[in-house]
N, C-alpha and C. Protein backbone atom coordinates (compact mmCIF):
# COMPACT_ATOMS: atom_id res chain seq x y z
N MET A 1 0.85 -1.19 0.00
CA MET A 1 0.00 0.00 0.00
C MET A 1 0.88 1.24 0.00
N ASP A 2 0.26 2.36 -0.47
CA ASP A 2 0.98 3.62 -0.42
C ASP A 2 1.12 4.05 1.02
N SER A 3 2.03 5.00 1.26
CA SER A 3 2.23 5.50 2.61
C SER A 3 1.00 6.25 3.07
N PRO A 4 0.77 6.35 4.36
CA PRO A 4 -0.41 7.03 4.88
C PRO A 4 -0.47 8.47 4.39
N PRO A 5 -1.65 8.92 3.91
CA PRO A 5 -1.79 10.26 3.37
C PRO A 5 -1.84 11.30 4.47
N ALA A 6 -1.54 12.50 4.12
CA ALA A 6 -1.62 13.61 5.06
C ALA A 6 -3.07 13.98 5.26
N THR A 7 -3.40 14.43 6.45
CA THR A 7 -4.76 14.85 6.74
C THR A 7 -5.00 16.23 6.15
N GLY A 8 -6.26 16.54 5.92
CA GLY A 8 -6.59 17.83 5.36
C GLY A 8 -7.94 17.77 4.69
N SER A 9 -8.19 18.66 3.73
CA SER A 9 -9.48 18.75 3.07
C SER A 9 -9.54 17.94 1.79
N GLU A 10 -8.52 17.13 1.50
CA GLU A 10 -8.51 16.35 0.27
C GLU A 10 -9.54 15.23 0.34
N ASP A 11 -9.86 14.67 -0.86
CA ASP A 11 -10.86 13.62 -0.97
C ASP A 11 -10.40 12.38 -0.20
N THR A 12 -11.33 11.80 0.56
CA THR A 12 -10.99 10.61 1.35
C THR A 12 -11.74 9.37 0.87
N SER A 13 -12.38 9.45 -0.30
CA SER A 13 -13.17 8.32 -0.76
C SER A 13 -12.31 7.14 -1.19
N ASP A 14 -11.03 7.38 -1.46
CA ASP A 14 -10.17 6.28 -1.89
C ASP A 14 -9.20 5.86 -0.79
N LEU A 15 -9.59 6.06 0.47
CA LEU A 15 -8.75 5.69 1.59
C LEU A 15 -9.24 4.39 2.21
N ILE A 16 -8.33 3.66 2.80
CA ILE A 16 -8.66 2.44 3.53
C ILE A 16 -7.88 2.45 4.84
N ALA A 17 -8.55 2.07 5.92
CA ALA A 17 -7.92 2.06 7.24
C ALA A 17 -7.63 0.63 7.65
N CYS A 18 -6.48 0.43 8.25
CA CYS A 18 -6.15 -0.89 8.76
C CYS A 18 -7.03 -1.18 9.98
N PRO A 19 -7.72 -2.33 10.02
CA PRO A 19 -8.60 -2.62 11.15
C PRO A 19 -7.86 -2.88 12.46
N LYS A 20 -6.55 -3.12 12.39
CA LYS A 20 -5.78 -3.43 13.60
C LYS A 20 -5.10 -2.19 14.18
N CYS A 21 -4.40 -1.42 13.34
CA CYS A 21 -3.61 -0.30 13.87
C CYS A 21 -4.13 1.06 13.41
N ASP A 22 -5.20 1.08 12.59
CA ASP A 22 -5.85 2.32 12.14
C ASP A 22 -4.99 3.17 11.21
N ALA A 23 -3.93 2.61 10.65
CA ALA A 23 -3.15 3.35 9.67
C ALA A 23 -3.97 3.56 8.40
N LEU A 24 -3.85 4.76 7.81
CA LEU A 24 -4.61 5.09 6.61
C LEU A 24 -3.73 4.96 5.37
N TYR A 25 -4.32 4.42 4.31
CA TYR A 25 -3.60 4.25 3.05
C TYR A 25 -4.52 4.64 1.89
N ARG A 26 -3.90 5.09 0.81
CA ARG A 26 -4.64 5.25 -0.43
C ARG A 26 -4.74 3.89 -1.10
N VAL A 27 -5.93 3.60 -1.60
CA VAL A 27 -6.19 2.28 -2.15
C VAL A 27 -5.45 2.08 -3.46
N VAL A 28 -4.68 1.02 -3.52
CA VAL A 28 -4.07 0.53 -4.77
C VAL A 28 -4.48 -0.93 -4.86
N GLU A 29 -5.48 -1.20 -5.69
CA GLU A 29 -6.03 -2.55 -5.75
C GLU A 29 -5.03 -3.51 -6.37
N PRO A 30 -4.71 -4.59 -5.68
CA PRO A 30 -3.76 -5.57 -6.21
C PRO A 30 -4.43 -6.45 -7.27
N ASP A 31 -3.61 -7.12 -8.04
CA ASP A 31 -4.12 -8.08 -9.01
C ASP A 31 -4.61 -9.32 -8.28
N PRO A 32 -5.43 -10.15 -8.96
CA PRO A 32 -5.86 -11.41 -8.34
C PRO A 32 -4.67 -12.24 -7.88
N ARG A 33 -4.83 -12.86 -6.72
CA ARG A 33 -3.81 -13.68 -6.06
C ARG A 33 -2.69 -12.84 -5.44
N GLU A 34 -2.79 -11.51 -5.53
CA GLU A 34 -1.88 -10.64 -4.81
C GLU A 34 -2.63 -10.03 -3.62
N ARG A 35 -1.89 -9.50 -2.66
CA ARG A 35 -2.50 -8.95 -1.47
C ARG A 35 -1.92 -7.58 -1.16
N ALA A 36 -2.75 -6.71 -0.61
CA ALA A 36 -2.30 -5.44 -0.07
C ALA A 36 -2.23 -5.59 1.45
N VAL A 37 -1.05 -5.34 2.00
CA VAL A 37 -0.80 -5.59 3.41
C VAL A 37 -0.39 -4.30 4.10
N CYS A 38 -0.84 -4.13 5.33
CA CYS A 38 -0.47 -2.95 6.11
C CYS A 38 1.04 -2.98 6.37
N ALA A 39 1.71 -1.87 6.08
CA ALA A 39 3.15 -1.80 6.28
C ALA A 39 3.53 -1.74 7.75
N ARG A 40 2.59 -1.36 8.61
CA ARG A 40 2.90 -1.21 10.03
C ARG A 40 2.72 -2.50 10.80
N CYS A 41 1.58 -3.18 10.62
CA CYS A 41 1.29 -4.38 11.42
C CYS A 41 1.11 -5.63 10.57
N HIS A 42 1.24 -5.48 9.25
CA HIS A 42 1.19 -6.61 8.31
C HIS A 42 -0.17 -7.29 8.24
N THR A 43 -1.23 -6.59 8.62
CA THR A 43 -2.59 -7.11 8.45
C THR A 43 -2.97 -7.05 6.98
N VAL A 44 -3.61 -8.10 6.49
CA VAL A 44 -4.05 -8.12 5.09
C VAL A 44 -5.24 -7.18 4.94
N LEU A 45 -5.12 -6.21 4.04
CA LEU A 45 -6.18 -5.22 3.83
C LEU A 45 -7.06 -5.57 2.64
N ILE A 46 -6.44 -6.00 1.55
CA ILE A 46 -7.18 -6.36 0.33
C ILE A 46 -6.57 -7.64 -0.21
N ALA A 47 -7.43 -8.62 -0.49
CA ALA A 47 -6.94 -9.89 -1.02
C ALA A 47 -7.96 -10.45 -2.01
N PRO A 48 -8.05 -9.87 -3.21
CA PRO A 48 -9.04 -10.34 -4.19
C PRO A 48 -8.69 -11.74 -4.69
N ARG A 49 -9.73 -12.52 -4.94
CA ARG A 49 -9.58 -13.87 -5.47
C ARG A 49 -10.57 -14.07 -6.61
N ALA A 50 -10.12 -14.72 -7.66
CA ALA A 50 -11.00 -15.03 -8.77
C ALA A 50 -12.06 -16.04 -8.33
N ARG A 51 -13.32 -15.78 -8.67
CA ARG A 51 -14.45 -16.66 -8.35
C ARG A 51 -14.60 -16.89 -6.85
N ALA A 52 -14.11 -15.97 -6.04
CA ALA A 52 -14.23 -16.13 -4.58
C ALA A 52 -15.68 -16.06 -4.13
N GLY A 53 -16.50 -15.29 -4.84
CA GLY A 53 -17.90 -15.16 -4.45
C GLY A 53 -18.63 -16.48 -4.49
N MET A 54 -18.49 -17.23 -5.59
CA MET A 54 -19.14 -18.53 -5.70
C MET A 54 -18.59 -19.51 -4.68
N GLN A 55 -17.29 -19.44 -4.42
CA GLN A 55 -16.69 -20.33 -3.42
C GLN A 55 -17.24 -20.03 -2.03
N LEU A 56 -17.41 -18.74 -1.72
CA LEU A 56 -17.93 -18.37 -0.40
C LEU A 56 -19.40 -18.78 -0.26
N ILE A 57 -20.16 -18.67 -1.34
CA ILE A 57 -21.56 -19.11 -1.30
C ILE A 57 -21.63 -20.61 -1.04
N ALA A 58 -20.79 -21.38 -1.73
CA ALA A 58 -20.77 -22.83 -1.53
C ALA A 58 -20.35 -23.18 -0.10
N ILE A 59 -19.34 -22.48 0.42
CA ILE A 59 -18.87 -22.75 1.77
C ILE A 59 -19.95 -22.40 2.79
N SER A 60 -20.64 -21.27 2.59
CA SER A 60 -21.68 -20.85 3.54
C SER A 60 -22.83 -21.84 3.56
N LEU A 61 -23.24 -22.33 2.40
CA LEU A 61 -24.29 -23.34 2.35
C LEU A 61 -23.86 -24.62 3.08
N THR A 62 -22.61 -25.00 2.87
CA THR A 62 -22.09 -26.20 3.53
C THR A 62 -22.04 -26.02 5.04
N VAL A 63 -21.67 -24.82 5.49
CA VAL A 63 -21.62 -24.54 6.93
C VAL A 63 -23.00 -24.70 7.55
N VAL A 64 -24.01 -24.16 6.90
CA VAL A 64 -25.38 -24.26 7.43
C VAL A 64 -25.80 -25.73 7.55
N ILE A 65 -25.54 -26.50 6.49
CA ILE A 65 -25.92 -27.92 6.50
C ILE A 65 -25.17 -28.68 7.59
N LEU A 66 -23.86 -28.43 7.71
CA LEU A 66 -23.05 -29.15 8.69
C LEU A 66 -23.46 -28.81 10.13
N VAL A 67 -23.75 -27.54 10.39
CA VAL A 67 -24.13 -27.15 11.75
C VAL A 67 -25.44 -27.83 12.14
N VAL A 68 -26.43 -27.78 11.24
CA VAL A 68 -27.72 -28.40 11.55
C VAL A 68 -27.55 -29.91 11.75
N ALA A 69 -26.80 -30.56 10.86
CA ALA A 69 -26.61 -32.01 10.98
C ALA A 69 -25.79 -32.37 12.23
N ALA A 70 -24.74 -31.59 12.49
CA ALA A 70 -23.89 -31.88 13.65
C ALA A 70 -24.62 -31.69 14.96
N THR A 71 -25.64 -30.84 14.96
CA THR A 71 -26.42 -30.62 16.17
C THR A 71 -27.31 -31.82 16.50
N ILE A 72 -27.72 -32.54 15.47
CA ILE A 72 -28.70 -33.62 15.65
C ILE A 72 -28.03 -34.99 15.82
N PHE A 73 -27.04 -35.28 14.97
CA PHE A 73 -26.43 -36.60 14.99
C PHE A 73 -25.54 -36.78 16.23
N PRO A 74 -25.28 -38.04 16.63
CA PRO A 74 -24.41 -38.28 17.80
C PRO A 74 -23.02 -37.71 17.60
N PHE A 75 -22.52 -37.04 18.65
CA PHE A 75 -21.18 -36.47 18.60
C PHE A 75 -20.15 -37.50 19.02
N LEU A 76 -20.43 -38.20 20.09
CA LEU A 76 -19.56 -39.28 20.54
C LEU A 76 -20.34 -40.26 21.40
N THR A 77 -19.81 -41.46 21.51
CA THR A 77 -20.40 -42.50 22.34
C THR A 77 -19.34 -43.01 23.30
N ILE A 78 -19.69 -43.10 24.58
CA ILE A 78 -18.76 -43.55 25.62
C ILE A 78 -19.18 -44.94 26.08
N HIS A 79 -18.23 -45.89 26.06
CA HIS A 79 -18.47 -47.25 26.54
C HIS A 79 -17.65 -47.46 27.83
N ILE A 80 -18.31 -47.92 28.87
CA ILE A 80 -17.61 -48.19 30.12
C ILE A 80 -18.39 -49.25 30.92
N GLY A 81 -17.71 -50.29 31.34
CA GLY A 81 -18.31 -51.33 32.16
C GLY A 81 -19.51 -52.01 31.52
N GLY A 82 -19.50 -52.17 30.21
CA GLY A 82 -20.62 -52.81 29.52
C GLY A 82 -21.77 -51.88 29.22
N ALA A 83 -21.74 -50.67 29.73
CA ALA A 83 -22.78 -49.68 29.45
C ALA A 83 -22.24 -48.66 28.46
N TRP A 84 -23.14 -47.97 27.79
CA TRP A 84 -22.72 -46.95 26.84
C TRP A 84 -23.70 -45.78 26.86
N HIS A 85 -23.19 -44.65 26.45
CA HIS A 85 -24.03 -43.45 26.39
C HIS A 85 -23.61 -42.64 25.17
N SER A 86 -24.60 -42.29 24.35
CA SER A 86 -24.35 -41.49 23.15
C SER A 86 -24.87 -40.08 23.37
N SER A 87 -24.11 -39.08 22.93
CA SER A 87 -24.47 -37.69 23.18
C SER A 87 -24.25 -36.86 21.92
N SER A 88 -25.16 -35.93 21.68
CA SER A 88 -25.04 -34.99 20.57
C SER A 88 -24.73 -33.60 21.11
N ILE A 89 -24.44 -32.68 20.22
CA ILE A 89 -24.20 -31.29 20.64
C ILE A 89 -25.45 -30.71 21.29
N LEU A 90 -26.60 -31.06 20.75
CA LEU A 90 -27.85 -30.59 21.33
C LEU A 90 -28.00 -31.12 22.76
N ASP A 91 -27.62 -32.38 22.98
CA ASP A 91 -27.67 -32.94 24.34
C ASP A 91 -26.74 -32.17 25.28
N ALA A 92 -25.55 -31.80 24.77
CA ALA A 92 -24.60 -31.05 25.59
C ALA A 92 -25.16 -29.69 26.00
N VAL A 93 -25.86 -29.05 25.05
CA VAL A 93 -26.46 -27.74 25.36
C VAL A 93 -27.60 -27.90 26.36
N LEU A 94 -28.46 -28.90 26.14
CA LEU A 94 -29.61 -29.09 27.02
C LEU A 94 -29.22 -29.58 28.40
N SER A 95 -28.00 -30.09 28.56
CA SER A 95 -27.57 -30.57 29.87
C SER A 95 -27.48 -29.44 30.89
N PHE A 96 -27.42 -28.19 30.40
CA PHE A 96 -27.33 -27.04 31.32
C PHE A 96 -28.70 -26.50 31.71
N ARG A 97 -29.78 -27.14 31.18
CA ARG A 97 -31.10 -26.58 31.44
C ARG A 97 -31.48 -26.75 32.92
N GLY A 98 -32.30 -25.85 33.35
CA GLY A 98 -32.78 -25.94 34.72
C GLY A 98 -32.30 -24.77 35.56
N GLY A 99 -33.23 -24.05 36.16
CA GLY A 99 -32.87 -22.96 37.06
C GLY A 99 -32.09 -21.86 36.36
N THR A 100 -31.04 -21.41 37.04
CA THR A 100 -30.23 -20.31 36.51
C THR A 100 -29.33 -20.74 35.36
N PHE A 101 -29.28 -22.05 35.05
CA PHE A 101 -28.40 -22.52 34.00
C PHE A 101 -29.00 -22.34 32.60
N TYR A 102 -30.24 -21.88 32.51
CA TYR A 102 -30.83 -21.63 31.21
C TYR A 102 -30.03 -20.59 30.43
N ALA A 103 -29.56 -19.57 31.12
CA ALA A 103 -28.77 -18.53 30.47
C ALA A 103 -27.48 -19.12 29.90
N LEU A 104 -26.85 -20.03 30.67
CA LEU A 104 -25.63 -20.68 30.19
C LEU A 104 -25.93 -21.56 28.98
N ALA A 105 -27.07 -22.28 29.01
CA ALA A 105 -27.46 -23.12 27.88
C ALA A 105 -27.66 -22.29 26.63
N LEU A 106 -28.34 -21.15 26.76
CA LEU A 106 -28.56 -20.27 25.61
C LEU A 106 -27.25 -19.70 25.09
N THR A 107 -26.34 -19.36 26.00
CA THR A 107 -25.06 -18.81 25.58
C THR A 107 -24.24 -19.84 24.81
N VAL A 108 -24.19 -21.06 25.32
CA VAL A 108 -23.46 -22.13 24.64
C VAL A 108 -24.06 -22.39 23.26
N ALA A 109 -25.39 -22.46 23.19
CA ALA A 109 -26.05 -22.69 21.90
C ALA A 109 -25.75 -21.57 20.92
N ALA A 110 -25.75 -20.33 21.41
CA ALA A 110 -25.50 -19.19 20.52
C ALA A 110 -24.07 -19.22 19.98
N LEU A 111 -23.10 -19.49 20.85
CA LEU A 111 -21.70 -19.40 20.45
C LEU A 111 -21.28 -20.52 19.50
N ILE A 112 -21.82 -21.72 19.67
CA ILE A 112 -21.33 -22.83 18.86
C ILE A 112 -22.31 -23.26 17.76
N VAL A 113 -23.55 -22.78 17.82
CA VAL A 113 -24.53 -23.18 16.80
C VAL A 113 -25.14 -21.97 16.11
N PHE A 114 -25.80 -21.11 16.88
CA PHE A 114 -26.58 -20.03 16.28
C PHE A 114 -25.71 -19.01 15.55
N PHE A 115 -24.63 -18.54 16.16
CA PHE A 115 -23.80 -17.52 15.53
C PHE A 115 -23.14 -18.02 14.23
N PRO A 116 -22.55 -19.23 14.19
CA PRO A 116 -21.99 -19.70 12.91
C PRO A 116 -23.05 -19.79 11.81
N VAL A 117 -24.25 -20.28 12.15
CA VAL A 117 -25.31 -20.36 11.15
C VAL A 117 -25.75 -18.97 10.71
N LEU A 118 -25.91 -18.07 11.66
CA LEU A 118 -26.34 -16.71 11.33
C LEU A 118 -25.32 -16.03 10.43
N ARG A 119 -24.03 -16.19 10.73
CA ARG A 119 -23.00 -15.58 9.88
C ARG A 119 -23.04 -16.15 8.47
N ALA A 120 -23.25 -17.45 8.35
CA ALA A 120 -23.32 -18.07 7.02
C ALA A 120 -24.54 -17.56 6.27
N LEU A 121 -25.68 -17.44 6.94
CA LEU A 121 -26.89 -16.95 6.29
C LEU A 121 -26.74 -15.49 5.87
N LEU A 122 -26.12 -14.68 6.72
CA LEU A 122 -25.88 -13.28 6.37
C LEU A 122 -24.94 -13.17 5.17
N THR A 123 -23.93 -14.02 5.12
CA THR A 123 -23.02 -14.03 3.99
C THR A 123 -23.76 -14.36 2.70
N LEU A 124 -24.65 -15.35 2.76
CA LEU A 124 -25.46 -15.69 1.59
C LEU A 124 -26.36 -14.53 1.18
N TYR A 125 -26.97 -13.89 2.16
CA TYR A 125 -27.86 -12.76 1.89
C TYR A 125 -27.14 -11.63 1.19
N VAL A 126 -25.90 -11.41 1.59
CA VAL A 126 -25.12 -10.31 1.02
C VAL A 126 -24.53 -10.68 -0.35
N LEU A 127 -23.98 -11.88 -0.47
CA LEU A 127 -23.20 -12.23 -1.65
C LEU A 127 -24.01 -12.72 -2.83
N VAL A 128 -25.10 -13.44 -2.59
CA VAL A 128 -25.84 -14.04 -3.70
C VAL A 128 -26.27 -13.00 -4.74
N PRO A 129 -26.92 -11.89 -4.35
CA PRO A 129 -27.28 -10.90 -5.37
C PRO A 129 -26.05 -10.31 -6.08
N VAL A 130 -24.99 -10.04 -5.33
CA VAL A 130 -23.80 -9.42 -5.92
C VAL A 130 -23.13 -10.36 -6.91
N VAL A 131 -22.98 -11.63 -6.55
CA VAL A 131 -22.30 -12.59 -7.41
C VAL A 131 -23.09 -12.82 -8.70
N PHE A 132 -24.42 -12.79 -8.61
CA PHE A 132 -25.25 -13.03 -9.79
C PHE A 132 -25.68 -11.73 -10.47
N ASP A 133 -24.86 -10.68 -10.25
CA ASP A 133 -25.04 -9.39 -10.95
C ASP A 133 -26.42 -8.78 -10.72
N ARG A 134 -26.91 -8.88 -9.51
CA ARG A 134 -28.17 -8.25 -9.13
C ARG A 134 -27.87 -7.07 -8.22
N PRO A 135 -28.81 -6.15 -8.07
CA PRO A 135 -28.60 -5.08 -7.09
C PRO A 135 -28.48 -5.67 -5.69
N PRO A 136 -27.69 -5.05 -4.83
CA PRO A 136 -27.55 -5.56 -3.46
C PRO A 136 -28.91 -5.66 -2.77
N ALA A 137 -29.06 -6.67 -1.95
CA ALA A 137 -30.31 -6.85 -1.21
C ALA A 137 -30.53 -5.69 -0.23
N ARG A 138 -31.78 -5.48 0.12
CA ARG A 138 -32.09 -4.41 1.05
C ARG A 138 -31.41 -4.67 2.40
N GLY A 139 -30.72 -3.67 2.90
CA GLY A 139 -30.04 -3.81 4.18
C GLY A 139 -28.79 -4.66 4.12
N ALA A 140 -28.23 -4.84 2.90
CA ALA A 140 -27.05 -5.70 2.75
C ALA A 140 -25.86 -5.16 3.53
N ARG A 141 -25.69 -3.85 3.55
CA ARG A 141 -24.56 -3.27 4.27
C ARG A 141 -24.68 -3.53 5.77
N ALA A 142 -25.89 -3.37 6.29
CA ALA A 142 -26.09 -3.64 7.72
C ALA A 142 -25.91 -5.12 8.02
N ALA A 143 -26.36 -5.98 7.09
CA ALA A 143 -26.21 -7.42 7.28
C ALA A 143 -24.74 -7.83 7.30
N PHE A 144 -23.96 -7.25 6.38
CA PHE A 144 -22.54 -7.60 6.34
C PHE A 144 -21.81 -7.06 7.56
N ASN A 145 -22.20 -5.86 8.01
CA ASN A 145 -21.60 -5.30 9.21
C ASN A 145 -21.92 -6.16 10.44
N LEU A 146 -23.16 -6.69 10.50
CA LEU A 146 -23.53 -7.58 11.61
C LEU A 146 -22.73 -8.87 11.55
N SER A 147 -22.55 -9.40 10.34
CA SER A 147 -21.76 -10.63 10.18
C SER A 147 -20.33 -10.44 10.67
N GLU A 148 -19.74 -9.31 10.35
CA GLU A 148 -18.38 -9.03 10.81
C GLU A 148 -18.33 -8.81 12.32
N SER A 149 -19.39 -8.22 12.88
CA SER A 149 -19.43 -8.00 14.33
C SER A 149 -19.53 -9.32 15.08
N LEU A 150 -20.16 -10.32 14.47
CA LEU A 150 -20.34 -11.61 15.12
C LEU A 150 -19.11 -12.51 14.99
N ARG A 151 -18.17 -12.14 14.14
CA ARG A 151 -17.04 -13.02 13.88
C ARG A 151 -16.28 -13.40 15.15
N PRO A 152 -15.95 -12.46 16.06
CA PRO A 152 -15.23 -12.89 17.27
C PRO A 152 -16.06 -13.78 18.20
N TRP A 153 -17.40 -13.76 18.02
CA TRP A 153 -18.27 -14.50 18.94
C TRP A 153 -18.69 -15.84 18.37
N SER A 154 -18.27 -16.16 17.18
CA SER A 154 -18.55 -17.46 16.60
C SER A 154 -17.45 -18.42 17.03
N MET A 155 -17.72 -19.25 18.02
CA MET A 155 -16.67 -19.98 18.71
C MET A 155 -16.74 -21.48 18.48
N ALA A 156 -17.03 -21.90 17.26
CA ALA A 156 -17.06 -23.33 16.97
C ALA A 156 -15.69 -23.96 17.20
N GLU A 157 -14.63 -23.23 16.83
CA GLU A 157 -13.29 -23.80 17.00
C GLU A 157 -12.91 -23.89 18.48
N VAL A 158 -13.40 -22.97 19.31
CA VAL A 158 -13.13 -23.03 20.75
C VAL A 158 -13.81 -24.26 21.35
N PHE A 159 -15.03 -24.54 20.90
CA PHE A 159 -15.73 -25.73 21.35
C PHE A 159 -14.96 -26.99 20.95
N ALA A 160 -14.42 -27.01 19.73
CA ALA A 160 -13.66 -28.17 19.27
C ALA A 160 -12.41 -28.39 20.13
N ILE A 161 -11.72 -27.30 20.47
CA ILE A 161 -10.54 -27.42 21.33
C ILE A 161 -10.93 -27.92 22.71
N GLY A 162 -12.04 -27.41 23.25
CA GLY A 162 -12.51 -27.87 24.55
C GLY A 162 -12.85 -29.36 24.54
N CYS A 163 -13.47 -29.81 23.45
CA CYS A 163 -13.77 -31.24 23.33
C CYS A 163 -12.50 -32.07 23.28
N ALA A 164 -11.49 -31.58 22.57
CA ALA A 164 -10.23 -32.32 22.48
C ALA A 164 -9.58 -32.46 23.85
N VAL A 165 -9.60 -31.39 24.64
CA VAL A 165 -9.02 -31.44 25.98
C VAL A 165 -9.80 -32.41 26.86
N ALA A 166 -11.13 -32.38 26.76
CA ALA A 166 -11.96 -33.27 27.57
C ALA A 166 -11.74 -34.73 27.18
N LEU A 167 -11.58 -34.98 25.87
CA LEU A 167 -11.40 -36.35 25.41
C LEU A 167 -10.09 -36.94 25.90
N VAL A 168 -9.07 -36.10 26.01
CA VAL A 168 -7.78 -36.58 26.53
C VAL A 168 -7.93 -37.13 27.94
N LYS A 169 -8.79 -36.50 28.73
CA LYS A 169 -9.01 -36.95 30.10
C LYS A 169 -9.94 -38.16 30.18
N VAL A 170 -10.93 -38.21 29.26
CA VAL A 170 -11.92 -39.28 29.31
C VAL A 170 -11.37 -40.58 28.77
N VAL A 171 -10.48 -40.51 27.77
CA VAL A 171 -10.03 -41.72 27.07
C VAL A 171 -9.33 -42.69 28.01
N ASP A 172 -8.78 -42.24 29.13
CA ASP A 172 -8.14 -43.13 30.09
C ASP A 172 -9.15 -43.85 30.98
N LEU A 173 -10.39 -43.37 31.00
CA LEU A 173 -11.41 -43.93 31.88
C LEU A 173 -12.44 -44.79 31.14
N ALA A 174 -12.58 -44.54 29.84
CA ALA A 174 -13.61 -45.26 29.08
C ALA A 174 -13.20 -45.31 27.61
N ASP A 175 -13.89 -46.17 26.87
CA ASP A 175 -13.70 -46.25 25.42
C ASP A 175 -14.59 -45.21 24.76
N VAL A 176 -13.98 -44.39 23.91
CA VAL A 176 -14.71 -43.31 23.25
C VAL A 176 -14.80 -43.60 21.77
N GLU A 177 -16.01 -43.53 21.26
CA GLU A 177 -16.25 -43.74 19.83
C GLU A 177 -16.83 -42.47 19.22
N PHE A 178 -16.17 -41.94 18.19
CA PHE A 178 -16.63 -40.71 17.57
C PHE A 178 -17.85 -40.99 16.68
N GLY A 179 -18.85 -40.10 16.79
CA GLY A 179 -20.04 -40.22 15.95
C GLY A 179 -19.94 -39.35 14.72
N PRO A 180 -20.94 -39.40 13.84
CA PRO A 180 -20.92 -38.59 12.61
C PRO A 180 -20.76 -37.10 12.88
N ALA A 181 -21.38 -36.63 13.96
CA ALA A 181 -21.33 -35.19 14.25
C ALA A 181 -19.92 -34.72 14.55
N PHE A 182 -19.07 -35.60 15.11
CA PHE A 182 -17.69 -35.21 15.40
C PHE A 182 -16.96 -34.84 14.11
N TYR A 183 -17.11 -35.65 13.09
CA TYR A 183 -16.43 -35.39 11.82
C TYR A 183 -17.07 -34.21 11.09
N MET A 184 -18.38 -34.06 11.23
CA MET A 184 -19.05 -32.90 10.65
C MET A 184 -18.55 -31.62 11.30
N PHE A 185 -18.43 -31.64 12.63
CA PHE A 185 -18.00 -30.45 13.34
C PHE A 185 -16.54 -30.13 13.05
N SER A 186 -15.72 -31.17 12.90
CA SER A 186 -14.32 -30.94 12.53
C SER A 186 -14.23 -30.29 11.16
N SER A 187 -15.05 -30.75 10.22
CA SER A 187 -15.09 -30.14 8.89
C SER A 187 -15.59 -28.71 8.97
N LEU A 188 -16.57 -28.48 9.86
CA LEU A 188 -17.13 -27.15 10.02
C LEU A 188 -16.06 -26.16 10.48
N VAL A 189 -15.25 -26.55 11.44
CA VAL A 189 -14.19 -25.67 11.94
C VAL A 189 -13.24 -25.28 10.82
N ILE A 190 -12.87 -26.26 10.00
CA ILE A 190 -11.96 -25.99 8.88
C ILE A 190 -12.63 -25.04 7.88
N LEU A 191 -13.90 -25.27 7.59
CA LEU A 191 -14.61 -24.43 6.61
C LEU A 191 -14.75 -23.00 7.09
N VAL A 192 -14.98 -22.81 8.40
CA VAL A 192 -15.09 -21.45 8.94
C VAL A 192 -13.78 -20.70 8.76
N VAL A 193 -12.65 -21.38 8.98
CA VAL A 193 -11.34 -20.76 8.78
C VAL A 193 -11.13 -20.43 7.30
N VAL A 194 -11.51 -21.36 6.43
CA VAL A 194 -11.36 -21.13 4.98
C VAL A 194 -12.25 -19.97 4.53
N GLN A 195 -13.46 -19.90 5.08
CA GLN A 195 -14.38 -18.82 4.73
C GLN A 195 -13.79 -17.46 5.07
N ASP A 196 -13.23 -17.35 6.27
CA ASP A 196 -12.63 -16.07 6.68
C ASP A 196 -11.39 -15.75 5.86
N THR A 197 -10.68 -16.78 5.38
CA THR A 197 -9.49 -16.57 4.56
C THR A 197 -9.86 -16.09 3.16
N PHE A 198 -10.92 -16.67 2.59
CA PHE A 198 -11.33 -16.33 1.23
C PHE A 198 -12.02 -14.98 1.14
N LEU A 199 -12.62 -14.54 2.25
CA LEU A 199 -13.43 -13.33 2.22
C LEU A 199 -12.56 -12.08 2.17
N CYS A 200 -12.68 -11.34 1.10
CA CYS A 200 -12.01 -10.03 0.99
C CYS A 200 -13.03 -8.96 1.35
N ARG A 201 -12.93 -8.45 2.55
CA ARG A 201 -13.94 -7.52 3.04
C ARG A 201 -13.98 -6.23 2.24
N TYR A 202 -12.82 -5.76 1.79
CA TYR A 202 -12.79 -4.54 0.98
C TYR A 202 -13.60 -4.74 -0.31
N SER A 203 -13.43 -5.90 -0.94
CA SER A 203 -14.14 -6.16 -2.20
C SER A 203 -15.65 -6.20 -1.98
N VAL A 204 -16.08 -6.77 -0.84
CA VAL A 204 -17.51 -6.84 -0.55
C VAL A 204 -18.07 -5.44 -0.31
N TRP A 205 -17.38 -4.65 0.50
CA TRP A 205 -17.85 -3.29 0.75
C TRP A 205 -17.91 -2.48 -0.54
N LYS A 206 -16.91 -2.64 -1.39
CA LYS A 206 -16.89 -1.91 -2.65
C LYS A 206 -18.05 -2.32 -3.55
N ALA A 207 -18.34 -3.63 -3.60
CA ALA A 207 -19.45 -4.11 -4.43
C ALA A 207 -20.78 -3.58 -3.90
N LEU A 208 -20.93 -3.51 -2.57
CA LEU A 208 -22.17 -3.00 -2.00
C LEU A 208 -22.34 -1.50 -2.25
N GLU A 209 -21.24 -0.77 -2.29
CA GLU A 209 -21.31 0.67 -2.57
C GLU A 209 -21.71 0.90 -4.03
N GLU A 210 -21.20 0.05 -4.92
CA GLU A 210 -21.52 0.25 -6.33
C GLU A 210 -22.95 -0.15 -6.66
């Protein structure tokens, strides 16, 4: 990127601010597969990709399907002393029900199920019209801003890490068998990372402005 511009009365429509360190740059759009990076903190500012819109739509649809399926199907089955117990993500959330734990149950459900699905649906709402050369949907800018605001609160990967730590402790006490939801959720975590990598936020904002 160019060096930060001087402040004053000049036009600021072609400026971009680094989301991490707030450094200002004049926009120089890179070619596909190239990236514009902040010179101060090395945060990626612009990273256009060919056909990224269709890829993001496909990933978002897959995320929605995987979250819904992973919530219903068994996550793991524990065998101990001839007895066994199978549990799903929905069972894990509902285990907190009762009394003051309802708030905790709702929080867990929101962080690992509702927020990832909502972000995927918002991404579809914003990108589908743009990718298919239609005018942006009503409220698309607000929808995309909400999706970005929810990004730190979508904690599917934190749940996966917590499960891994718990399994390390349980495996010495009982036989653990992974269910379909475990592999779905593992794929979901990878897809969420890929989605955030493929998404060029500058390109989306620019498309919505046009």
